[in-house]
Amino acid sequence: MDMKPEDCELVGKMLYRAQLIAKDLGLEEGGARFVFNCKADAGQTVFHIHLHVVGGQAMGWPPFPTV
């Protein structure tokens, strides 16, 4: 939530690298999600930019259960 325009190149490189990692993990055929978690409600305890590669099984939508 604190990214600036000068971070666009970095984020693009992160997404490109995440794609390569997903392919290396064998996720290309079934697919994967690339997820940024931002701030406390998303589960962050140390606020920094990072990217998750999630795959290996079918996922539903929404990605969290309703309460």
C-alpha atoms as a PDB file:
ATOM      1  CA  MET A   1       0.000   0.000   0.000  1.00  0.00           C
ATOM      2  CA  ASP A   2       3.065   2.209   0.100  1.00  0.00           C
ATOM      3  CA  MET A   3       4.413   1.628  -3.397  1.00  0.00           C
ATOM      4  CA  LYS A   4       5.527   4.597  -5.431  1.00  0.00           C
ATOM      5  CA  PRO A   5       5.810   5.057  -9.208  1.00  0.00           C
ATOM      6  CA  GLU A   6       9.510   4.266  -9.025  1.00  0.00           C
ATOM      7  CA  ASP A   7       8.582   0.782  -7.679  1.00  0.00           C
ATOM      8  CA  CYS A   8       6.803  -0.204 -10.924  1.00  0.00           C
ATOM      9  CA  GLU A   9       9.930  -1.676 -12.500  1.00  0.00           C
ATOM     10  CA  LEU A  10      10.635  -3.761  -9.389  1.00  0.00           C
ATOM     11  CA  VAL A  11       7.056  -5.088  -9.212  1.00  0.00           C
ATOM     12  CA  GLY A  12       7.143  -6.011 -12.893  1.00  0.00           C
ATOM     13  CA  LYS A  13      10.372  -7.921 -12.348  1.00  0.00           C
ATOM     14  CA  MET A  14       8.845  -9.655  -9.324  1.00  0.00           C
ATOM     15  CA  LEU A  15       5.831 -10.812 -11.330  1.00  0.00           C
ATOM     16  CA  TYR A  16       8.018 -12.002 -14.190  1.00  0.00           C
ATOM     17  CA  ARG A  17      10.235 -13.954 -11.776  1.00  0.00           C
ATOM     18  CA  ALA A  18       7.159 -15.407 -10.027  1.00  0.00           C
ATOM     19  CA  GLN A  19       6.024 -16.749 -13.402  1.00  0.00           C
ATOM     20  CA  LEU A  20       9.392 -18.461 -13.883  1.00  0.00           C
ATOM     21  CA  ILE A  21       9.229 -19.930 -10.385  1.00  0.00           C
ATOM     22  CA  ALA A  22       5.694 -21.233 -11.025  1.00  0.00           C
ATOM     23  CA  LYS A  23       6.887 -22.889 -14.224  1.00  0.00           C
ATOM     24  CA  ASP A  24       9.910 -24.387 -12.430  1.00  0.00           C
ATOM     25  CA  LEU A  25       7.500 -25.814  -9.839  1.00  0.00           C
ATOM     26  CA  GLY A  26       5.424 -27.455 -12.561  1.00  0.00           C
ATOM     27  CA  LEU A  27       2.420 -25.165 -12.107  1.00  0.00           C
ATOM     28  CA  GLU A  28       2.167 -23.913 -15.689  1.00  0.00           C
ATOM     29  CA  GLU A  29      -0.490 -26.361 -16.906  1.00  0.00           C
ATOM     30  CA  GLY A  30      -2.826 -26.145 -13.897  1.00  0.00           C
ATOM     31  CA  GLY A  31      -2.118 -22.505 -13.096  1.00  0.00           C
ATOM     32  CA  ALA A  32      -1.141 -20.479 -10.047  1.00  0.00           C
ATOM     33  CA  ARG A  33      -1.970 -17.305  -8.174  1.00  0.00           C
ATOM     34  CA  PHE A  34       0.473 -14.484  -7.552  1.00  0.00           C
ATOM     35  CA  VAL A  35      -0.489 -12.759  -4.315  1.00  0.00           C
ATOM     36  CA  PHE A  36       0.662  -9.581  -2.584  1.00  0.00           C
ATOM     37  CA  ASN A  37      -0.469  -9.321   1.059  1.00  0.00           C
ATOM     38  CA  CYS A  38      -0.626  -5.728   2.278  1.00  0.00           C
ATOM     39  CA  LYS A  39      -1.029  -4.535   5.865  1.00  0.00           C
ATOM     40  CA  ALA A  40      -2.367  -6.218   9.026  1.00  0.00           C
ATOM     41  CA  ASP A  41      -5.775  -7.374   7.750  1.00  0.00           C
ATOM     42  CA  ALA A  42      -3.964  -9.317   5.024  1.00  0.00           C
ATOM     43  CA  GLY A  43      -1.765 -11.042   7.606  1.00  0.00           C
ATOM     44  CA  GLN A  44       1.372  -8.930   7.430  1.00  0.00           C
ATOM     45  CA  THR A  45       3.253  -8.312  10.662  1.00  0.00           C
ATOM     46  CA  VAL A  46       6.317  -6.729   9.037  1.00  0.00           C
ATOM     47  CA  PHE A  47       5.202  -4.325   6.325  1.00  0.00           C
ATOM     48  CA  HIS A  48       7.360  -4.906   3.250  1.00  0.00           C
ATOM     49  CA  ILE A  49       6.744  -5.851  -0.356  1.00  0.00           C
ATOM     50  CA  HIS A  50       6.761  -9.554  -1.078  1.00  0.00           C
ATOM     51  CA  LEU A  51       4.963 -11.904  -3.448  1.00  0.00           C
ATOM     52  CA  HIS A  52       3.518 -15.372  -2.893  1.00  0.00           C
ATOM     53  CA  VAL A  53       3.302 -18.031  -5.600  1.00  0.00           C
ATOM     54  CA  VAL A  54       0.306 -20.245  -4.742  1.00  0.00           C
ATOM     55  CA  GLY A  55      -0.563 -23.345  -6.722  1.00  0.00           C
ATOM     56  CA  GLY A  56      -0.594 -27.088  -6.894  1.00  0.00           C
ATOM     57  CA  GLN A  57      -4.310 -27.570  -6.265  1.00  0.00           C
ATOM     58  CA  ALA A  58      -7.572 -26.104  -7.504  1.00  0.00           C
ATOM     59  CA  MET A  59      -8.656 -23.016  -5.591  1.00  0.00           C
ATOM     60  CA  GLY A  60     -12.066 -21.478  -5.236  1.00  0.00           C
ATOM     61  CA  TRP A  61     -13.426 -17.963  -5.116  1.00  0.00           C
ATOM     62  CA  PRO A  62     -13.643 -16.132  -2.856  1.00  0.00           C
ATOM     63  CA  PRO A  63     -10.312 -17.275  -1.460  1.00  0.00           C
ATOM     64  CA  PHE A  64     -11.562 -17.078   2.133  1.00  0.00           C
ATOM     65  CA  PRO A  65     -14.651 -18.552   3.832  1.00  0.00           C
ATOM     66  CA  THR A  66     -17.641 -16.392   4.587  1.00  0.00           C
ATOM     67  CA  VAL A  67     -18.379 -15.874   8.269  1.00  0.00           C
END
